[in-house]
Amino acid sequence: MSQYNNPRRVAIVYGLRTPFAKAGTLFKELTSLDLGKIATVELVNRTEIDPGEIDKVILGTVLPSIKTSNLAREIALSSGIPASVPAFTVTSACASATQAFTNAVESILSGDSEVVVAGGVESISDFPVLFSKRFRNMLFDSSKGKNLLQKAKPFLKMGVSDIAPDIPAIAERSTGLTMGESAEKMARQNQISRAEQDSFALRSHLLAYKAQKEEIIRKEMVNTFVPPDFEEPVLIDNSVKSDLSIEALSALKPAFDKQYGTVTAGNSAPLSDGACAMLLMSDEKARSLGYKPLGYVRSYAYSALDPSDQLLMGPAYSTPVALERAGLSLKDMDLIEIHEAFSAQVLSNIKAFASKKFAEEKLSRTKAIGEIDIDKVNVTGGSIAIGHPFGATGGRIIMTLLYGLHRRQGNFGLATVCAAGGLGASIVLEKE
């Protein structure tokens, strides 16, 4: 569904996020519920929206806890949003917050809602750890015991391997390949060199550090206090490196293909913790409440491809559809935000955008999407420097794009996200 043929217009009134912290560091004592609550409460406070005006809450996440299986509902209830407001959680790998956002757009376009809180959250530090199936069966059988002997009996044949943790792997179930291994495959097939990947990663850090130093991203941040003392707030993304050099990046060993690989920890996005929240309304509702929107949703599109092909090429498939629905071209975009899962993935998509051969063979189109002006891409850095909380990144990209359009006095922007499962999403936003 897109907005281009719908008389209603969806406004993004405001958006903010916590800083993103590398997993296992500053936010390691915070859960996804904690992080989501911090972002949502601050959104309500900054916008001064009456919580009773909110019709729905939709949040994305990738690694839910069994204790908060509908995380969005728990965040809404703990953030002062009335219990009568429905809330639900969506998951679409790295595009989870993007999916939450467009679900909110669709709810408003359909007339089902007027005001929606949307966003996403991830605490990779608090990821779920499972036990083996055999040990879980023992626990279940033990719980049915009527006395101590019956409760202990299932464990009598237990071995050490039975209690070993079953750590979730970030790999495609259909192919067995991790995203990093898939990025290696893309680098080889698209002839993306190690030097190109490292150069792009350095650019991400330099631009992100410049944005931090000049405080041009402060508007989208919420000061985040952490336990146990809650004294010093976290103000910036802590994976951004101010002293990174091409020499340091070049010295890193390949992370996935140890012998011939080009994908390293340095040209990949770090796993991170963080949350984002946005307030969306119909244009009529926003203006009746006295808000001046940050921007509007012009169009969007999703794509899916065979994971055994080039897993993270989704944006190259979804972008031409989103642009077509918007009635615009790539040259009309004043800014572009591309999720940086890996340098290899970004550079592969950029190459595909400009390729007539790719357009003809993969998209059944007669001409390429177009050449990307790199000076318009991720101008305050990207996920390689900022970090990547799976469930929140899609929302961060949307907010960063909107604030960037205001700073640069641009009107049209494109946000794209690749995701596990061979998924892709593209959104066209406009300021006016």
Protein backbone atom coordinates (compact mmCIF):
# COMPACT_ATOMS: atom_id res chain seq x y z
CA MET A 1 0.00 0.00 0.00
CA SER A 2 1.29 3.50 -0.73
CA GLN A 3 0.04 7.00 -0.11
CA TYR A 4 0.31 8.33 -3.64
CA ASN A 5 -3.27 7.39 -4.54
CA ASN A 6 -4.85 8.06 -1.15
CA PRO A 7 -6.44 11.42 -0.25
CA ARG A 8 -5.23 11.16 3.35
CA ARG A 9 -1.74 12.33 4.22
CA VAL A 10 0.37 10.89 7.03
CA ALA A 11 2.52 13.28 9.03
CA ILE A 12 5.55 12.44 11.16
CA VAL A 13 5.17 14.88 14.02
CA TYR A 14 8.29 14.02 15.99
CA GLY A 15 10.86 11.30 16.51
CA LEU A 16 13.65 10.55 18.91
CA ARG A 17 15.93 7.74 20.03
CA THR A 18 18.24 6.68 22.78
CA PRO A 19 21.93 6.71 21.97
CA PHE A 20 23.02 3.38 20.55
CA ALA A 21 25.46 1.49 22.77
CA LYS A 22 27.61 -1.42 21.71
CA ALA A 23 26.14 -4.64 23.12
CA GLY A 24 27.59 -5.60 26.49
CA THR A 25 28.63 -2.04 27.39
CA LEU A 26 26.69 0.96 28.68
CA PHE A 27 23.17 -0.49 28.41
CA LYS A 28 23.98 -4.03 29.47
CA GLU A 29 21.80 -3.75 32.59
CA LEU A 30 18.81 -2.44 30.63
CA THR A 31 16.20 -4.63 28.95
CA SER A 32 14.31 -3.90 25.75
CA LEU A 33 11.37 -2.92 27.96
CA ASP A 34 13.56 -0.38 29.78
CA LEU A 35 14.95 1.12 26.59
CA GLY A 36 11.57 1.26 24.87
CA LYS A 37 10.01 2.94 27.88
CA ILE A 38 12.77 5.58 27.98
CA ALA A 39 12.16 6.51 24.33
CA THR A 40 8.36 6.40 24.54
CA VAL A 41 8.06 8.43 27.74
CA GLU A 42 10.39 11.09 26.34
CA LEU A 43 8.39 11.20 23.09
CA VAL A 44 5.17 11.83 25.03
CA ASN A 45 6.86 14.45 27.21
CA ARG A 46 8.55 16.37 24.40
CA THR A 47 5.49 16.48 22.17
CA GLU A 48 3.15 17.11 25.13
CA ILE A 49 0.64 14.83 23.45
CA ASP A 50 -2.27 13.86 25.66
CA PRO A 51 -1.79 10.07 26.01
CA GLY A 52 -5.54 9.76 25.63
CA GLU A 53 -5.21 10.99 22.03
CA ILE A 54 -3.05 8.01 21.07
CA ASP A 55 -5.01 5.36 19.17
CA LYS A 56 -2.36 2.66 18.79
CA VAL A 57 1.23 1.72 19.63
CA ILE A 58 3.28 -0.39 17.18
CA LEU A 59 6.88 -1.32 17.89
CA GLY A 60 9.38 -3.60 16.20
CA THR A 61 11.88 -5.98 17.76
CA VAL A 62 13.86 -9.04 16.68
CA LEU A 63 14.86 -10.83 19.90
CA PRO A 64 11.78 -10.78 22.16
CA SER A 65 11.85 -12.07 25.71
CA ILE A 66 9.29 -14.69 26.67
CA LYS A 67 8.50 -12.46 29.66
CA THR A 68 7.41 -9.64 27.36
CA SER A 69 6.20 -11.48 24.27
CA ASN A 70 4.09 -8.47 23.23
CA LEU A 71 6.80 -5.94 24.02
CA ALA A 72 4.91 -2.96 22.57
CA ARG A 73 1.99 -3.56 24.93
CA GLU A 74 4.28 -3.72 27.97
CA ILE A 75 6.10 -0.54 26.91
CA ALA A 76 2.80 1.27 26.34
CA LEU A 77 1.43 0.24 29.73
CA SER A 78 4.62 1.27 31.53
CA SER A 79 4.82 4.63 29.73
CA GLY A 80 1.54 6.12 30.92
CA ILE A 81 -0.42 5.35 27.78
CA PRO A 82 -3.99 4.35 28.72
CA ALA A 83 -4.69 0.64 29.07
CA SER A 84 -7.51 1.05 26.53
CA VAL A 85 -4.99 1.79 23.73
CA PRO A 86 -4.14 -1.32 21.65
CA ALA A 87 -0.47 -2.12 21.14
CA PHE A 88 1.29 -4.83 19.17
CA THR A 89 4.80 -5.91 18.27
CA VAL A 90 6.11 -6.71 14.79
CA THR A 91 9.25 -8.43 13.61
CA SER A 92 10.87 -8.27 10.20
CA ALA A 93 14.55 -8.72 11.02
CA CYS A 94 16.51 -5.48 10.55
CA ALA A 95 13.44 -3.82 9.00
CA SER A 96 11.30 -4.34 12.13
CA ALA A 97 11.01 -0.63 13.03
CA THR A 98 10.40 0.13 9.34
CA GLN A 99 7.56 -2.40 9.37
CA ALA A 100 6.13 -0.85 12.55
CA PHE A 101 6.31 2.56 10.90
CA THR A 102 4.50 1.53 7.72
CA ASN A 103 1.93 -0.43 9.74
CA ALA A 104 1.22 2.84 11.53
CA VAL A 105 0.99 4.65 8.17
CA GLU A 106 -1.49 2.07 6.88
CA SER A 107 -3.60 2.33 10.02
CA ILE A 108 -3.87 6.09 9.53
CA LEU A 109 -4.45 5.90 5.78
CA SER A 110 -7.28 3.44 6.31
CA GLY A 111 -8.96 5.72 8.84
CA ASP A 112 -8.58 3.16 11.63
CA SER A 113 -6.29 5.51 13.59
CA GLU A 114 -5.53 9.21 13.80
CA VAL A 115 -2.55 9.12 16.17
CA VAL A 116 0.00 6.28 16.40
CA VAL A 117 3.26 5.80 18.27
CA ALA A 118 5.64 3.67 16.19
CA GLY A 119 9.26 2.66 16.47
CA GLY A 120 11.47 -0.17 17.60
CA VAL A 121 13.82 -1.46 20.26
CA GLU A 122 16.54 -4.03 20.78
CA SER A 123 18.67 -5.13 23.70
CA ILE A 124 21.18 -7.52 22.22
CA SER A 125 22.89 -7.51 25.64
CA ASP A 126 19.74 -9.16 27.00
CA PHE A 127 19.28 -11.73 24.23
CA PRO A 128 17.34 -14.90 25.08
CA VAL A 129 19.42 -17.99 25.89
CA LEU A 130 17.76 -21.38 25.44
CA PHE A 131 18.48 -24.79 26.91
CA SER A 132 18.62 -27.95 24.85
CA LYS A 133 15.35 -29.63 23.90
CA ARG A 134 16.29 -32.63 26.06
CA PHE A 135 16.84 -30.47 29.14
CA ARG A 136 13.59 -28.59 28.56
CA ASN A 137 11.77 -31.93 28.46
CA MET A 138 13.39 -32.82 31.80
CA LEU A 139 12.19 -29.55 33.32
CA PHE A 140 8.68 -30.16 32.02
CA ASP A 141 8.58 -33.74 33.31
CA SER A 142 9.97 -32.60 36.68
CA SER A 143 7.25 -29.98 37.03
CA LYS A 144 4.62 -32.75 36.91
CA GLY A 145 6.19 -34.66 39.83
CA LYS A 146 4.10 -34.91 43.00
CA ASN A 147 7.01 -35.37 45.41
CA LEU A 148 10.75 -34.69 45.59
CA LEU A 149 11.73 -38.09 44.18
CA GLN A 150 9.40 -37.75 41.20
CA LYS A 151 10.65 -34.22 40.56
CA ALA A 152 14.30 -35.35 40.66
CA LYS A 153 13.89 -38.53 38.59
CA PRO A 154 13.94 -36.87 35.12
CA PHE A 155 17.41 -35.43 35.85
CA LEU A 156 19.09 -38.70 36.82
CA LYS A 157 20.29 -39.36 33.25
CA MET A 158 21.33 -35.78 32.59
CA GLY A 159 24.72 -35.17 30.96
CA VAL A 160 26.84 -32.04 30.78
CA SER A 161 25.83 -31.46 27.15
CA ASP A 162 22.17 -31.34 28.18
CA ILE A 163 22.64 -28.12 30.15
CA ALA A 164 24.86 -26.35 27.61
CA PRO A 165 23.18 -23.09 26.50
CA ASP A 166 21.65 -23.02 23.04
CA ILE A 167 22.81 -19.62 21.74
CA PRO A 168 20.70 -18.25 18.86
CA ALA A 169 22.76 -17.94 15.67
CA ILE A 170 22.39 -14.97 13.34
CA ALA A 171 22.12 -17.21 10.30
CA GLU A 172 19.61 -17.91 7.58
CA ARG A 173 17.65 -21.04 8.36
CA SER A 174 17.20 -21.77 4.66
CA THR A 175 20.89 -21.48 3.71
CA GLY A 176 22.81 -21.87 6.97
CA LEU A 177 24.86 -18.77 6.10
CA THR A 178 25.30 -15.88 8.51
CA MET A 179 24.72 -12.35 7.24
CA GLY A 180 28.49 -11.80 7.28
CA GLU A 181 29.04 -14.84 5.09
CA SER A 182 26.34 -13.55 2.75
CA ALA A 183 28.09 -10.17 2.66
CA GLU A 184 31.31 -11.95 1.67
CA LYS A 185 29.42 -13.62 -1.16
CA MET A 186 28.09 -10.25 -2.34
CA ALA A 187 31.53 -8.66 -2.21
CA ARG A 188 32.92 -11.40 -4.46
CA GLN A 189 30.04 -11.42 -6.94
CA ASN A 190 29.92 -7.63 -7.24
CA GLN A 191 33.69 -7.15 -7.18
CA ILE A 192 33.74 -4.94 -4.10
CA SER A 193 37.34 -4.76 -2.91
CA ARG A 194 38.60 -4.74 0.66
CA ALA A 195 39.99 -1.23 0.09
CA GLU A 196 36.58 0.05 -1.03
CA GLN A 197 34.89 -1.52 2.00
CA ASP A 198 37.39 -0.07 4.47
CA SER A 199 37.23 3.35 2.84
CA PHE A 200 33.44 3.39 3.13
CA ALA A 201 33.63 2.30 6.79
CA LEU A 202 36.11 5.09 7.56
CA ARG A 203 33.77 7.59 5.91
CA SER A 204 30.93 6.41 8.18
CA HIS A 205 32.99 6.98 11.33
CA LEU A 206 34.36 10.35 10.21
CA LEU A 207 30.90 11.69 9.38
CA ALA A 208 29.36 10.29 12.57
CA TYR A 209 32.12 11.78 14.71
CA LYS A 210 31.73 15.15 12.97
CA ALA A 211 27.98 15.02 13.70
CA GLN A 212 28.69 14.21 17.36
CA LYS A 213 31.28 16.96 17.72
CA GLU A 214 29.02 19.58 16.14
CA GLU A 215 26.02 18.25 18.11
CA ILE A 216 23.87 18.26 14.98
CA ILE A 217 22.12 15.04 15.98
CA ARG A 218 21.26 16.12 19.53
CA LYS A 219 17.65 16.86 18.56
CA GLU A 220 16.94 13.21 17.84
CA MET A 221 18.57 11.97 21.07
CA VAL A 222 17.25 11.43 24.57
CA ASN A 223 19.72 11.58 27.47
CA THR A 224 19.73 8.06 28.87
CA PHE A 225 20.62 7.38 32.50
CA VAL A 226 21.80 3.89 33.36
CA PRO A 227 21.93 1.77 36.49
CA PRO A 228 23.14 1.33 39.13
CA ASP A 229 23.68 5.00 40.08
CA PHE A 230 21.70 6.77 37.30
CA GLU A 231 24.02 9.77 37.62
CA GLU A 232 25.89 10.22 34.33
CA PRO A 233 23.69 10.27 31.22
CA VAL A 234 24.70 8.58 27.98
CA LEU A 235 24.66 11.33 25.36
CA ILE A 236 26.26 9.81 22.25
CA ASP A 237 26.55 6.56 20.31
CA ASN A 238 29.54 4.87 21.90
CA SER A 239 30.78 2.84 18.92
CA VAL A 240 31.74 5.92 16.89
CA LYS A 241 35.55 6.13 16.65
CA SER A 242 37.23 9.53 16.47
CA ASP A 243 40.74 8.20 15.87
CA LEU A 244 40.08 5.54 13.24
CA SER A 245 42.41 5.35 10.26
CA ILE A 246 42.50 3.41 7.01
CA GLU A 247 45.68 1.75 8.29
CA ALA A 248 43.89 0.46 11.39
CA LEU A 249 41.00 -0.85 9.30
CA SER A 250 43.36 -2.51 6.83
CA ALA A 251 45.11 -4.37 9.66
CA LEU A 252 41.96 -6.18 10.80
CA LYS A 253 41.61 -9.84 9.92
CA PRO A 254 38.59 -11.14 7.97
CA ALA A 255 35.76 -12.09 10.32
CA PHE A 256 33.95 -14.73 8.26
CA ASP A 257 36.15 -16.12 5.50
CA LYS A 258 39.42 -16.29 7.44
CA GLN A 259 41.58 -17.07 4.41
CA TYR A 260 40.23 -15.09 1.50
CA GLY A 261 37.61 -12.80 3.04
CA THR A 262 37.29 -9.01 2.89
CA VAL A 263 34.50 -8.46 5.45
CA THR A 264 35.88 -7.52 8.86
CA ALA A 265 34.59 -6.23 12.18
CA GLY A 266 35.72 -2.80 11.02
CA ASN A 267 33.59 -2.66 7.86
CA SER A 268 30.54 -4.24 9.52
CA ALA A 269 27.91 -2.72 11.81
CA PRO A 270 28.46 -3.52 15.51
CA LEU A 271 25.64 -5.24 17.40
CA SER A 272 24.08 -2.63 19.65
CA ASP A 273 21.36 -1.78 22.17
CA GLY A 274 18.90 1.06 21.65
CA ALA A 275 15.36 2.25 21.00
CA CYS A 276 13.49 4.79 18.91
CA ALA A 277 9.97 6.19 18.97
CA MET A 278 8.01 8.35 16.53
CA LEU A 279 4.66 10.12 16.68
CA LEU A 280 2.56 9.81 13.50
CA MET A 281 -0.78 11.45 12.77
CA SER A 282 -3.10 12.22 9.94
CA ASP A 283 -2.24 15.67 8.63
CA GLU A 284 -5.64 16.97 9.65
CA LYS A 285 -5.25 15.71 13.22
CA ALA A 286 -1.73 17.12 13.53
CA ARG A 287 -2.82 20.56 12.46
CA SER A 288 -5.94 20.51 14.65
CA LEU A 289 -3.69 19.81 17.65
CA GLY A 290 -1.32 22.62 16.67
CA TYR A 291 1.67 20.54 15.53
CA LYS A 292 3.96 21.45 12.66
CA PRO A 293 5.03 18.07 11.25
CA LEU A 294 8.65 17.18 10.58
CA GLY A 295 7.58 15.64 7.31
CA TYR A 296 5.22 13.36 5.44
CA VAL A 297 5.20 9.88 3.96
CA ARG A 298 5.20 10.07 0.19
CA SER A 299 5.41 6.35 -0.61
CA TYR A 300 7.03 3.07 0.37
CA ALA A 301 7.64 -0.42 -0.96
CA TYR A 302 8.91 -3.79 0.28
CA SER A 303 10.75 -6.50 -1.58
CA ALA A 304 11.83 -10.10 -1.06
CA LEU A 305 14.35 -12.26 -2.87
CA ASP A 306 15.71 -15.78 -2.55
CA PRO A 307 18.09 -15.81 0.47
CA SER A 308 20.42 -18.12 -1.44
CA ASP A 309 20.99 -15.37 -4.02
CA GLN A 310 22.40 -12.03 -2.76
CA LEU A 311 20.75 -11.85 0.65
CA LEU A 312 21.08 -8.13 1.36
CA MET A 313 20.15 -6.69 -2.04
CA GLY A 314 16.55 -5.96 -1.04
CA PRO A 315 16.79 -2.15 -1.39
CA ALA A 316 17.80 -2.47 -5.05
CA TYR A 317 14.45 -4.23 -5.63
CA SER A 318 12.19 -2.08 -3.42
CA THR A 319 13.58 1.36 -4.32
CA PRO A 320 12.37 1.60 -7.95
CA VAL A 321 8.86 0.67 -6.83
CA ALA A 322 8.86 3.27 -4.01
CA LEU A 323 10.14 5.97 -6.38
CA GLU A 324 7.57 5.05 -9.02
CA ARG A 325 4.77 5.23 -6.46
CA ALA A 326 6.07 8.62 -5.34
CA GLY A 327 6.17 9.91 -8.91
CA LEU A 328 9.82 10.84 -8.39
CA SER A 329 13.28 9.77 -9.52
CA LEU A 330 16.51 9.13 -7.68
CA LYS A 331 17.77 12.54 -8.85
CA ASP A 332 14.89 14.18 -6.97
CA MET A 333 16.17 12.89 -3.63
CA ASP A 334 17.93 15.57 -1.59
CA LEU A 335 19.20 13.06 0.99
CA ILE A 336 19.48 9.29 1.16
CA GLU A 337 19.80 7.06 4.24
CA ILE A 338 20.97 3.49 3.62
CA HIS A 339 21.29 1.02 6.46
CA GLU A 340 24.93 -0.03 6.67
CA ALA A 341 24.87 -3.66 7.72
CA PHE A 342 28.18 -4.09 5.89
CA SER A 343 30.19 -1.88 3.56
CA ALA A 344 29.96 -4.68 0.99
CA GLN A 345 26.17 -4.63 1.15
CA VAL A 346 25.85 -0.84 0.74
CA LEU A 347 28.34 -0.70 -2.13
CA SER A 348 26.67 -3.67 -3.85
CA ASN A 349 23.29 -1.95 -3.75
CA ILE A 350 24.73 1.34 -4.98
CA LYS A 351 26.32 -0.54 -7.87
CA ALA A 352 23.01 -2.24 -8.66
CA PHE A 353 21.17 1.08 -8.65
CA ALA A 354 23.39 2.29 -11.48
CA SER A 355 23.42 -0.96 -13.46
CA LYS A 356 21.29 -1.26 -16.60
CA LYS A 357 22.12 -4.97 -16.66
CA PHE A 358 20.77 -5.42 -13.12
CA ALA A 359 17.62 -3.48 -14.05
CA GLU A 360 17.00 -5.65 -17.10
CA GLU A 361 17.88 -9.05 -15.63
CA LYS A 362 16.64 -8.69 -12.06
CA LEU A 363 13.95 -6.02 -12.20
CA SER A 364 12.60 -6.52 -15.74
CA ARG A 365 13.02 -2.79 -16.29
CA THR A 366 14.51 -1.06 -19.30
CA LYS A 367 16.69 1.40 -17.41
CA ALA A 368 18.68 1.58 -14.20
CA ILE A 369 17.37 3.26 -11.06
CA GLY A 370 20.20 5.77 -11.37
CA GLU A 371 23.60 6.86 -10.14
CA ILE A 372 23.72 7.74 -6.44
CA ASP A 373 25.43 10.97 -5.43
CA ILE A 374 27.51 9.70 -2.50
CA ASP A 375 27.57 13.20 -0.99
CA LYS A 376 23.85 12.78 -0.28
CA VAL A 377 24.24 9.39 1.43
CA ASN A 378 24.38 8.92 5.21
CA VAL A 379 25.73 12.42 5.75
CA THR A 380 25.92 12.02 9.54
CA GLY A 381 27.37 8.52 9.38
CA GLY A 382 25.62 5.19 9.26
CA SER A 383 25.15 1.93 11.11
CA ILE A 384 28.81 0.89 10.73
CA ALA A 385 29.76 3.75 13.05
CA ILE A 386 26.53 4.44 14.94
CA GLY A 387 25.66 0.83 15.70
CA HIS A 388 22.83 -1.52 14.86
CA PRO A 389 20.13 -2.48 17.37
CA PHE A 390 18.19 -4.80 15.06
CA GLY A 391 14.70 -3.67 16.00
CA ALA A 392 15.46 0.07 16.16
CA THR A 393 17.67 0.84 13.16
CA GLY A 394 14.83 1.26 10.65
CA GLY A 395 13.29 3.99 12.81
CA ARG A 396 16.64 5.69 13.41
CA ILE A 397 17.16 5.98 9.66
CA ILE A 398 13.74 7.58 9.13
CA MET A 399 14.32 10.15 11.88
CA THR A 400 17.86 10.93 10.77
CA LEU A 401 16.59 11.50 7.24
CA LEU A 402 13.86 13.91 8.37
CA TYR A 403 16.14 15.98 10.57
CA GLY A 404 18.72 16.03 7.79
CA LEU A 405 16.20 17.37 5.29
CA HIS A 406 15.43 20.25 7.66
CA ARG A 407 19.10 21.09 8.22
CA ARG A 408 19.88 21.05 4.51
CA GLN A 409 16.60 22.65 3.44
CA GLY A 410 15.84 19.70 1.20
CA ASN A 411 12.37 18.36 0.48
CA PHE A 412 12.60 14.72 -0.66
CA GLY A 413 14.48 11.89 0.99
CA LEU A 414 14.90 8.14 0.54
CA ALA A 415 15.40 5.65 3.39
CA THR A 416 16.33 2.05 2.63
CA VAL A 417 16.88 -1.01 4.80
CA CYS A 418 18.09 -4.49 3.94
CA ALA A 419 17.07 -7.35 6.21
CA ALA A 420 17.68 -11.02 6.87
CA GLY A 421 15.48 -13.38 4.90
CA GLY A 422 16.27 -11.51 1.67
CA LEU A 423 13.94 -8.64 2.59
CA GLY A 424 14.21 -4.98 1.63
CA ALA A 425 12.29 -1.78 2.35
CA SER A 426 12.36 1.69 0.81
CA ILE A 427 10.50 4.77 1.99
CA VAL A 428 10.21 8.15 0.29
CA LEU A 429 9.64 11.06 2.68
CA GLU A 430 8.93 14.70 1.98
CA LYS A 431 9.39 17.69 4.23
CA GLU A 432 6.50 19.79 2.91
